[in-house]
Amino acid sequence: MTRRATVLDAVEPEPTVQMPPAMMEELQLSSGDYVDVSSRRGHLRLKARSDAAVQQGMVFIPFCYAEAAANLLTNDALDPFGKIAEVKFCAVKLSNPQLSTT
């Protein structure tokens, strides 16, 4: 529903992955560079954004982009009591595609 809000879509028209500045430095990334984000369940290539509010060792990917569905990376297992999917967190691997040797 967030994506249907024209004001929000104008402010943030494409998906990003937000990460702490030290992590971006470690991966040799600048804001706007692409970064590969993968888990055991999927892979996304997103533009990186430096965000000092994100804890070191963590990243944040908004869930509102169909073209970069963060839920494809997460676990779809259900909580046994609330029947809520575990789509809020998962382990991911980050890599800088500009440094790849493929």
N, C-alpha and C. Protein backbone atom coordinates (compact mmCIF):
# COMPACT_ATOMS: atom_id res chain seq x y z
N MET A 1 0.82 -1.20 0.00
CA MET A 1 0.00 0.00 0.00
C MET A 1 0.86 1.27 0.00
N THR A 2 2.02 1.20 0.62
CA THR A 2 2.91 2.36 0.63
C THR A 2 3.26 2.78 -0.78
N ARG A 3 3.46 1.81 -1.64
CA ARG A 3 3.88 2.09 -3.02
C ARG A 3 2.78 2.80 -3.81
N ARG A 4 1.55 2.68 -3.38
CA ARG A 4 0.45 3.35 -4.08
C ARG A 4 0.33 4.82 -3.72
N ALA A 5 1.03 5.25 -2.68
CA ALA A 5 0.99 6.65 -2.25
C ALA A 5 1.91 7.45 -3.17
N THR A 6 1.33 8.30 -4.00
CA THR A 6 2.11 9.02 -5.00
C THR A 6 3.20 9.90 -4.38
N VAL A 7 2.92 10.49 -3.23
CA VAL A 7 3.92 11.34 -2.57
C VAL A 7 5.12 10.49 -2.14
N LEU A 8 4.85 9.35 -1.51
CA LEU A 8 5.93 8.47 -1.06
C LEU A 8 6.70 7.91 -2.25
N ASP A 9 6.00 7.56 -3.31
CA ASP A 9 6.66 7.02 -4.50
C ASP A 9 7.55 8.09 -5.15
N ALA A 10 7.14 9.34 -5.09
CA ALA A 10 7.95 10.42 -5.64
C ALA A 10 9.22 10.64 -4.81
N VAL A 11 9.12 10.48 -3.49
CA VAL A 11 10.26 10.66 -2.60
C VAL A 11 11.25 9.50 -2.74
N GLU A 12 10.73 8.29 -2.88
CA GLU A 12 11.58 7.09 -2.93
C GLU A 12 11.11 6.21 -4.09
N PRO A 13 11.46 6.56 -5.34
CA PRO A 13 10.91 5.86 -6.50
C PRO A 13 11.52 4.49 -6.80
N GLU A 14 12.68 4.17 -6.21
CA GLU A 14 13.26 2.85 -6.49
C GLU A 14 13.80 2.23 -5.21
N PRO A 15 13.88 0.91 -5.21
CA PRO A 15 14.30 0.20 -3.99
C PRO A 15 15.78 0.43 -3.67
N THR A 16 16.07 0.41 -2.37
CA THR A 16 17.44 0.55 -1.89
C THR A 16 17.65 -0.43 -0.74
N VAL A 17 18.90 -0.63 -0.41
CA VAL A 17 19.26 -1.33 0.82
C VAL A 17 20.02 -0.31 1.66
N GLN A 18 19.57 -0.12 2.87
CA GLN A 18 20.20 0.85 3.76
C GLN A 18 21.16 0.11 4.68
N MET A 19 22.38 0.64 4.81
CA MET A 19 23.39 -0.02 5.62
C MET A 19 24.27 1.00 6.32
N PRO A 20 24.91 0.59 7.42
CA PRO A 20 25.77 1.53 8.14
C PRO A 20 26.97 1.96 7.31
N PRO A 21 27.45 3.17 7.52
CA PRO A 21 28.58 3.69 6.74
C PRO A 21 29.81 2.78 6.77
N ALA A 22 30.13 2.19 7.91
CA ALA A 22 31.31 1.32 8.01
C ALA A 22 31.18 0.09 7.11
N MET A 23 29.98 -0.43 6.98
CA MET A 23 29.74 -1.59 6.13
C MET A 23 29.93 -1.20 4.66
N MET A 24 29.45 -0.02 4.32
CA MET A 24 29.63 0.45 2.94
C MET A 24 31.12 0.64 2.63
N GLU A 25 31.85 1.17 3.57
CA GLU A 25 33.29 1.35 3.38
C GLU A 25 33.98 0.00 3.22
N GLU A 26 33.60 -0.97 4.05
CA GLU A 26 34.19 -2.31 3.98
C GLU A 26 33.95 -2.96 2.61
N LEU A 27 32.76 -2.72 2.03
CA LEU A 27 32.42 -3.28 0.73
C LEU A 27 32.86 -2.38 -0.44
N GLN A 28 33.52 -1.27 -0.11
CA GLN A 28 33.99 -0.31 -1.11
C GLN A 28 32.83 0.22 -1.95
N LEU A 29 31.76 0.60 -1.26
CA LEU A 29 30.56 1.12 -1.92
C LEU A 29 30.37 2.59 -1.60
N SER A 30 29.79 3.31 -2.53
CA SER A 30 29.31 4.68 -2.32
C SER A 30 27.79 4.65 -2.45
N SER A 31 27.12 5.62 -1.86
CA SER A 31 25.67 5.68 -2.01
C SER A 31 25.33 5.74 -3.49
N GLY A 32 24.37 4.92 -3.89
CA GLY A 32 23.96 4.85 -5.29
C GLY A 32 24.58 3.69 -6.05
N ASP A 33 25.68 3.11 -5.52
CA ASP A 33 26.27 1.92 -6.14
C ASP A 33 25.34 0.73 -5.93
N TYR A 34 25.42 -0.23 -6.82
CA TYR A 34 24.64 -1.45 -6.65
C TYR A 34 25.37 -2.43 -5.74
N VAL A 35 24.58 -3.15 -4.96
CA VAL A 35 25.09 -4.20 -4.08
C VAL A 35 24.20 -5.43 -4.23
N ASP A 36 24.82 -6.60 -4.24
CA ASP A 36 24.07 -7.86 -4.30
C ASP A 36 23.76 -8.30 -2.89
N VAL A 37 22.48 -8.59 -2.64
CA VAL A 37 22.01 -9.07 -1.34
C VAL A 37 21.41 -10.45 -1.58
N SER A 38 21.96 -11.46 -0.91
CA SER A 38 21.44 -12.81 -1.12
C SER A 38 21.27 -13.54 0.20
N SER A 39 20.32 -14.44 0.19
CA SER A 39 20.08 -15.36 1.31
C SER A 39 19.97 -16.76 0.71
N ARG A 40 19.70 -17.72 1.56
CA ARG A 40 19.52 -19.09 1.06
C ARG A 40 18.28 -19.20 0.17
N ARG A 41 17.40 -18.21 0.24
CA ARG A 41 16.12 -18.28 -0.47
C ARG A 41 16.03 -17.39 -1.70
N GLY A 42 16.94 -16.44 -1.85
CA GLY A 42 16.81 -15.56 -3.01
C GLY A 42 17.95 -14.57 -3.12
N HIS A 43 17.84 -13.69 -4.13
CA HIS A 43 18.89 -12.74 -4.45
C HIS A 43 18.25 -11.45 -4.98
N LEU A 44 18.78 -10.32 -4.56
CA LEU A 44 18.36 -9.01 -5.08
C LEU A 44 19.60 -8.18 -5.38
N ARG A 45 19.52 -7.33 -6.37
CA ARG A 45 20.55 -6.32 -6.63
C ARG A 45 19.88 -4.97 -6.42
N LEU A 46 20.39 -4.22 -5.46
CA LEU A 46 19.77 -2.97 -5.04
C LEU A 46 20.81 -1.86 -4.97
N LYS A 47 20.33 -0.62 -5.03
CA LYS A 47 21.21 0.52 -4.81
C LYS A 47 21.47 0.65 -3.31
N ALA A 48 22.73 0.89 -2.97
CA ALA A 48 23.12 1.05 -1.58
C ALA A 48 22.86 2.47 -1.10
N ARG A 49 22.50 2.58 0.17
CA ARG A 49 22.31 3.89 0.78
C ARG A 49 22.93 3.85 2.17
N SER A 50 23.79 4.79 2.46
CA SER A 50 24.41 4.90 3.77
C SER A 50 23.37 5.40 4.77
N ASP A 51 23.29 4.75 5.93
CA ASP A 51 22.32 5.14 6.95
C ASP A 51 22.92 4.85 8.32
N ALA A 52 23.36 5.89 9.01
CA ALA A 52 23.98 5.75 10.32
C ALA A 52 23.02 5.22 11.37
N ALA A 53 21.72 5.25 11.11
CA ALA A 53 20.74 4.74 12.06
C ALA A 53 20.64 3.21 12.04
N VAL A 54 21.19 2.57 11.01
CA VAL A 54 21.17 1.11 10.93
C VAL A 54 22.37 0.58 11.73
N GLN A 55 22.10 -0.39 12.59
CA GLN A 55 23.15 -0.97 13.42
C GLN A 55 24.20 -1.67 12.59
N GLN A 56 25.44 -1.63 13.06
CA GLN A 56 26.53 -2.34 12.39
C GLN A 56 26.18 -3.83 12.32
N GLY A 57 26.43 -4.44 11.15
CA GLY A 57 26.12 -5.85 10.96
C GLY A 57 24.70 -6.11 10.49
N MET A 58 23.91 -5.05 10.32
CA MET A 58 22.52 -5.17 9.87
C MET A 58 22.32 -4.36 8.61
N VAL A 59 21.28 -4.70 7.86
CA VAL A 59 20.83 -3.90 6.72
C VAL A 59 19.32 -3.78 6.81
N PHE A 60 18.77 -2.81 6.10
CA PHE A 60 17.33 -2.65 6.04
C PHE A 60 16.91 -2.53 4.58
N ILE A 61 15.91 -3.33 4.20
CA ILE A 61 15.34 -3.28 2.85
C ILE A 61 13.84 -3.03 3.00
N PRO A 62 13.32 -1.93 2.46
CA PRO A 62 11.88 -1.69 2.52
C PRO A 62 11.12 -2.82 1.80
N PHE A 63 9.93 -3.12 2.29
CA PHE A 63 9.15 -4.23 1.76
C PHE A 63 8.17 -3.84 0.66
N CYS A 64 8.10 -2.56 0.30
CA CYS A 64 7.02 -2.09 -0.55
C CYS A 64 7.29 -2.15 -2.06
N TYR A 65 8.41 -2.70 -2.48
CA TYR A 65 8.76 -2.70 -3.90
C TYR A 65 8.56 -4.07 -4.52
N ALA A 66 7.61 -4.18 -5.43
CA ALA A 66 7.36 -5.46 -6.10
C ALA A 66 8.57 -5.90 -6.91
N GLU A 67 9.29 -4.94 -7.50
CA GLU A 67 10.45 -5.28 -8.32
C GLU A 67 11.67 -5.67 -7.48
N ALA A 68 11.59 -5.51 -6.18
CA ALA A 68 12.67 -5.93 -5.26
C ALA A 68 12.02 -6.45 -3.99
N ALA A 69 11.28 -7.52 -4.12
CA ALA A 69 10.49 -8.06 -3.01
C ALA A 69 11.40 -8.65 -1.93
N ALA A 70 11.63 -7.88 -0.88
CA ALA A 70 12.49 -8.31 0.22
C ALA A 70 12.01 -9.61 0.84
N ASN A 71 10.73 -9.88 0.79
CA ASN A 71 10.20 -11.11 1.37
C ASN A 71 10.72 -12.36 0.67
N LEU A 72 11.23 -12.23 -0.56
CA LEU A 72 11.80 -13.38 -1.24
C LEU A 72 13.09 -13.85 -0.56
N LEU A 73 13.70 -12.99 0.24
CA LEU A 73 14.93 -13.34 0.94
C LEU A 73 14.66 -13.98 2.30
N THR A 74 13.49 -13.72 2.85
CA THR A 74 13.21 -14.11 4.23
C THR A 74 12.58 -15.49 4.33
N ASN A 75 12.42 -15.91 5.56
CA ASN A 75 11.87 -17.23 5.87
C ASN A 75 10.35 -17.15 5.90
N ASP A 76 9.67 -18.06 5.21
CA ASP A 76 8.20 -18.03 5.22
C ASP A 76 7.60 -18.96 6.28
N ALA A 77 8.44 -19.46 7.20
CA ALA A 77 7.92 -20.30 8.28
C ALA A 77 6.96 -19.49 9.14
N LEU A 78 5.94 -20.15 9.65
CA LEU A 78 4.94 -19.47 10.47
C LEU A 78 5.20 -19.69 11.95
N ASP A 79 4.98 -18.63 12.73
CA ASP A 79 5.00 -18.74 14.18
C ASP A 79 3.90 -19.73 14.58
N PRO A 80 4.18 -20.72 15.41
CA PRO A 80 3.19 -21.74 15.73
C PRO A 80 1.96 -21.21 16.46
N PHE A 81 2.06 -20.08 17.13
CA PHE A 81 0.92 -19.56 17.90
C PHE A 81 0.17 -18.46 17.14
N GLY A 82 0.90 -17.46 16.65
CA GLY A 82 0.26 -16.34 15.99
C GLY A 82 0.04 -16.55 14.50
N LYS A 83 0.66 -17.59 13.93
CA LYS A 83 0.56 -17.88 12.49
C LYS A 83 1.04 -16.71 11.64
N ILE A 84 2.07 -16.02 12.14
CA ILE A 84 2.64 -14.88 11.44
C ILE A 84 3.96 -15.33 10.81
N ALA A 85 4.15 -15.00 9.54
CA ALA A 85 5.38 -15.39 8.84
C ALA A 85 6.58 -14.63 9.38
N GLU A 86 7.74 -15.28 9.39
CA GLU A 86 8.99 -14.67 9.84
C GLU A 86 9.60 -13.84 8.71
N VAL A 87 8.92 -12.81 8.28
CA VAL A 87 9.40 -12.01 7.16
C VAL A 87 10.10 -10.72 7.59
N LYS A 88 10.39 -10.58 8.86
CA LYS A 88 11.01 -9.35 9.34
C LYS A 88 12.53 -9.42 9.40
N PHE A 89 13.10 -10.62 9.36
CA PHE A 89 14.55 -10.71 9.46
C PHE A 89 15.06 -12.01 8.86
N CYS A 90 16.32 -11.99 8.44
CA CYS A 90 17.02 -13.20 8.01
C CYS A 90 18.48 -12.84 7.79
N ALA A 91 19.32 -13.85 7.74
CA ALA A 91 20.74 -13.63 7.46
C ALA A 91 20.91 -13.41 5.96
N VAL A 92 21.72 -12.45 5.59
CA VAL A 92 22.01 -12.20 4.18
C VAL A 92 23.50 -12.03 3.98
N LYS A 93 23.91 -12.24 2.75
CA LYS A 93 25.30 -12.01 2.33
C LYS A 93 25.29 -10.82 1.38
N LEU A 94 26.23 -9.92 1.56
CA LEU A 94 26.35 -8.74 0.70
C LEU A 94 27.63 -8.85 -0.11
N SER A 95 27.54 -8.44 -1.37
CA SER A 95 28.75 -8.39 -2.18
C SER A 95 28.65 -7.24 -3.16
N ASN A 96 29.80 -6.69 -3.48
CA ASN A 96 29.90 -5.59 -4.41
C ASN A 96 30.09 -6.17 -5.80
N PRO A 97 29.09 -6.03 -6.69
CA PRO A 97 29.22 -6.62 -8.03
C PRO A 97 30.36 -6.01 -8.86
N GLN A 98 30.81 -4.81 -8.52
CA GLN A 98 31.90 -4.18 -9.26
C GLN A 98 33.24 -4.86 -8.92
N LEU A 99 33.30 -5.57 -7.78
CA LEU A 99 34.53 -6.24 -7.36
C LEU A 99 34.52 -7.72 -7.69
N SER A 100 33.41 -8.21 -8.26
CA SER A 100 33.31 -9.64 -8.58
C SER A 100 34.33 -10.03 -9.63
N THR A 101 34.76 -11.28 -9.56
CA THR A 101 35.74 -11.80 -10.52
C THR A 101 35.09 -12.72 -11.54
N THR A 102 33.79 -12.56 -11.79
CA THR A 102 33.10 -13.39 -12.75
C THR A 102 33.19 -12.84 -14.14
